[in-house]
Structure formats: structure tokens, C-alpha cells
Amino acid sequence: MEQKRVIIFTTPTCTYCRQVKRYLIEKKVRFKEVDVSRNTKAAQDMMRKSGQQGVPQLWINNRPIVGFDRPKIDKMLNLKT
């Protein structure tokens, strides 16, 4: 089964960002991390697409999840809890 494309928009001071990254690593999900505190273009793009500026934001196959919403992440990635 092909893995879905996962991008996580984070900031270094965000506790939930660290939690979601740890969770995905535990579940062996590969992801690309984008630090929006250092990449203003990515931050603007994230806000334009989702209408939200909060992090973490996970984009799974270009569909956003704002916050560490474990049930939604599990469903979109077909993960077993």
C-alpha cells in the first residue's frame, strides 16, 4: 500500500508539534516537516490554504488537519490505534 504524502507545519516552541511528530514516528509514518517560524512563504501558504495560522497542521495528501487530532489522523492514514 502506498503511503500518503504527509507534511507537518510546525514551530520549535510548539508542544503539540513535538507530540504529533513523536506519534507519527512511532507509527512509522514518513513526513516532511516545515518550520513556519523560519519559512514565511510556507506560513503564508499554509494560512491561505487552511484559513488557520495555528500549528501543528498536518497536510495528508493535501487535505489539512489543524491541531493534533489523533482520531482524524488515524482515519486519514488508516492507522490502527
C-alpha atoms as a PDB file:
ATOM      1  CA  MET A   1       0.000   0.000   0.000  1.00  0.00           C
ATOM      2  CA  GLU A   2       1.403   3.379  -0.991  1.00  0.00           C
ATOM      3  CA  GLN A   3       1.984   5.807   1.840  1.00  0.00           C
ATOM      4  CA  LYS A   4       0.127   9.073   1.713  1.00  0.00           C
ATOM      5  CA  ARG A   5       2.097  12.303   1.452  1.00  0.00           C
ATOM      6  CA  VAL A   6       2.340  13.923   4.897  1.00  0.00           C
ATOM      7  CA  ILE A   7       3.594  17.455   5.540  1.00  0.00           C
ATOM      8  CA  ILE A   8       3.630  18.918   9.062  1.00  0.00           C
ATOM      9  CA  PHE A   9       3.779  22.661   9.601  1.00  0.00           C
ATOM     10  CA  THR A  10       5.412  23.345  12.978  1.00  0.00           C
ATOM     11  CA  THR A  11       7.227  25.853  15.163  1.00  0.00           C
ATOM     12  CA  PRO A  12      10.091  24.987  17.544  1.00  0.00           C
ATOM     13  CA  THR A  13       8.181  26.075  20.672  1.00  0.00           C
ATOM     14  CA  CYS A  14       5.003  24.090  19.932  1.00  0.00           C
ATOM     15  CA  THR A  15       4.411  21.208  22.357  1.00  0.00           C
ATOM     16  CA  TYR A  16       1.689  19.637  20.204  1.00  0.00           C
ATOM     17  CA  CYS A  17       4.026  19.740  17.205  1.00  0.00           C
ATOM     18  CA  ARG A  18       6.535  17.592  19.112  1.00  0.00           C
ATOM     19  CA  GLN A  19       3.764  15.227  20.184  1.00  0.00           C
ATOM     20  CA  VAL A  20       2.416  14.726  16.678  1.00  0.00           C
ATOM     21  CA  LYS A  21       5.906  14.141  15.273  1.00  0.00           C
ATOM     22  CA  ARG A  22       6.617  11.570  18.010  1.00  0.00           C
ATOM     23  CA  TYR A  23       3.280   9.885  17.283  1.00  0.00           C
ATOM     24  CA  LEU A  24       3.956   9.622  13.546  1.00  0.00           C
ATOM     25  CA  ILE A  25       7.465   8.279  14.173  1.00  0.00           C
ATOM     26  CA  GLU A  26       6.001   5.615  16.496  1.00  0.00           C
ATOM     27  CA  LYS A  27       3.533   4.660  13.764  1.00  0.00           C
ATOM     28  CA  LYS A  28       6.386   4.593  11.191  1.00  0.00           C
ATOM     29  CA  VAL A  29       4.787   7.303   9.059  1.00  0.00           C
ATOM     30  CA  ARG A  30       7.223   9.309   6.968  1.00  0.00           C
ATOM     31  CA  PHE A  31       6.632  13.039   6.892  1.00  0.00           C
ATOM     32  CA  LYS A  32       8.179  16.284   5.785  1.00  0.00           C
ATOM     33  CA  GLU A  33       8.424  18.996   8.434  1.00  0.00           C
ATOM     34  CA  VAL A  34       8.164  22.694   7.597  1.00  0.00           C
ATOM     35  CA  ASP A  35       9.099  25.194  10.320  1.00  0.00           C
ATOM     36  CA  VAL A  36       6.799  28.152   9.640  1.00  0.00           C
ATOM     37  CA  SER A  37       8.701  30.354  12.098  1.00  0.00           C
ATOM     38  CA  ARG A  38      11.641  30.270   9.657  1.00  0.00           C
ATOM     39  CA  ASN A  39       9.771  29.964   6.373  1.00  0.00           C
ATOM     40  CA  THR A  40       7.386  32.901   5.956  1.00  0.00           C
ATOM     41  CA  LYS A  41       6.347  31.832   2.459  1.00  0.00           C
ATOM     42  CA  ALA A  42       5.257  28.431   3.791  1.00  0.00           C
ATOM     43  CA  ALA A  43       3.422  30.138   6.681  1.00  0.00           C
ATOM     44  CA  GLN A  44       1.527  32.366   4.252  1.00  0.00           C
ATOM     45  CA  ASP A  45       0.738  29.409   2.007  1.00  0.00           C
ATOM     46  CA  MET A  46      -0.496  27.372   4.998  1.00  0.00           C
ATOM     47  CA  MET A  47      -2.774  30.210   6.132  1.00  0.00           C
ATOM     48  CA  ARG A  48      -4.103  30.845   2.635  1.00  0.00           C
ATOM     49  CA  LYS A  49      -4.983  27.176   2.127  1.00  0.00           C
ATOM     50  CA  SER A  50      -6.429  26.370   5.546  1.00  0.00           C
ATOM     51  CA  GLY A  51      -7.584  29.761   6.820  1.00  0.00           C
ATOM     52  CA  GLN A  52      -5.791  28.908  10.075  1.00  0.00           C
ATOM     53  CA  GLN A  53      -2.478  30.085  11.454  1.00  0.00           C
ATOM     54  CA  GLY A  54      -2.235  27.641  14.364  1.00  0.00           C
ATOM     55  CA  VAL A  55       0.217  24.756  14.403  1.00  0.00           C
ATOM     56  CA  PRO A  56       0.630  21.905  14.135  1.00  0.00           C
ATOM     57  CA  GLN A  57      -1.063  21.496  10.815  1.00  0.00           C
ATOM     58  CA  LEU A  58      -0.830  18.196   9.041  1.00  0.00           C
ATOM     59  CA  TRP A  59      -1.476  18.049   5.347  1.00  0.00           C
ATOM     60  CA  ILE A  60      -2.237  14.492   4.311  1.00  0.00           C
ATOM     61  CA  ASN A  61      -2.419  14.216   0.537  1.00  0.00           C
ATOM     62  CA  ASN A  62      -3.103  17.976   0.514  1.00  0.00           C
ATOM     63  CA  ARG A  63      -6.025  17.756   2.984  1.00  0.00           C
ATOM     64  CA  PRO A  64      -5.476  19.750   6.194  1.00  0.00           C
ATOM     65  CA  ILE A  65      -5.830  18.701   9.806  1.00  0.00           C
ATOM     66  CA  VAL A  66      -5.352  21.583  12.237  1.00  0.00           C
ATOM     67  CA  GLY A  67      -4.009  20.508  15.630  1.00  0.00           C
ATOM     68  CA  PHE A  68      -3.063  17.092  16.971  1.00  0.00           C
ATOM     69  CA  ASP A  69      -6.374  15.380  16.170  1.00  0.00           C
ATOM     70  CA  ARG A  70      -5.334  11.751  16.639  1.00  0.00           C
ATOM     71  CA  PRO A  71      -8.667  10.160  15.546  1.00  0.00           C
ATOM     72  CA  LYS A  72      -8.709  12.195  12.333  1.00  0.00           C
ATOM     73  CA  ILE A  73      -5.027  11.452  11.655  1.00  0.00           C
ATOM     74  CA  ASP A  74      -5.593   7.729  12.254  1.00  0.00           C
ATOM     75  CA  LYS A  75      -8.585   7.714   9.928  1.00  0.00           C
ATOM     76  CA  MET A  76      -6.861   9.616   7.111  1.00  0.00           C
ATOM     77  CA  LEU A  77      -3.735   7.440   7.357  1.00  0.00           C
ATOM     78  CA  ASN A  78      -5.631   4.171   8.009  1.00  0.00           C
ATOM     79  CA  LEU A  79      -3.725   3.650  11.274  1.00  0.00           C
ATOM     80  CA  LYS A  80      -4.783   1.176  13.900  1.00  0.00           C
ATOM     81  CA  THR A  81      -4.831   2.523  17.455  1.00  0.00           C
END
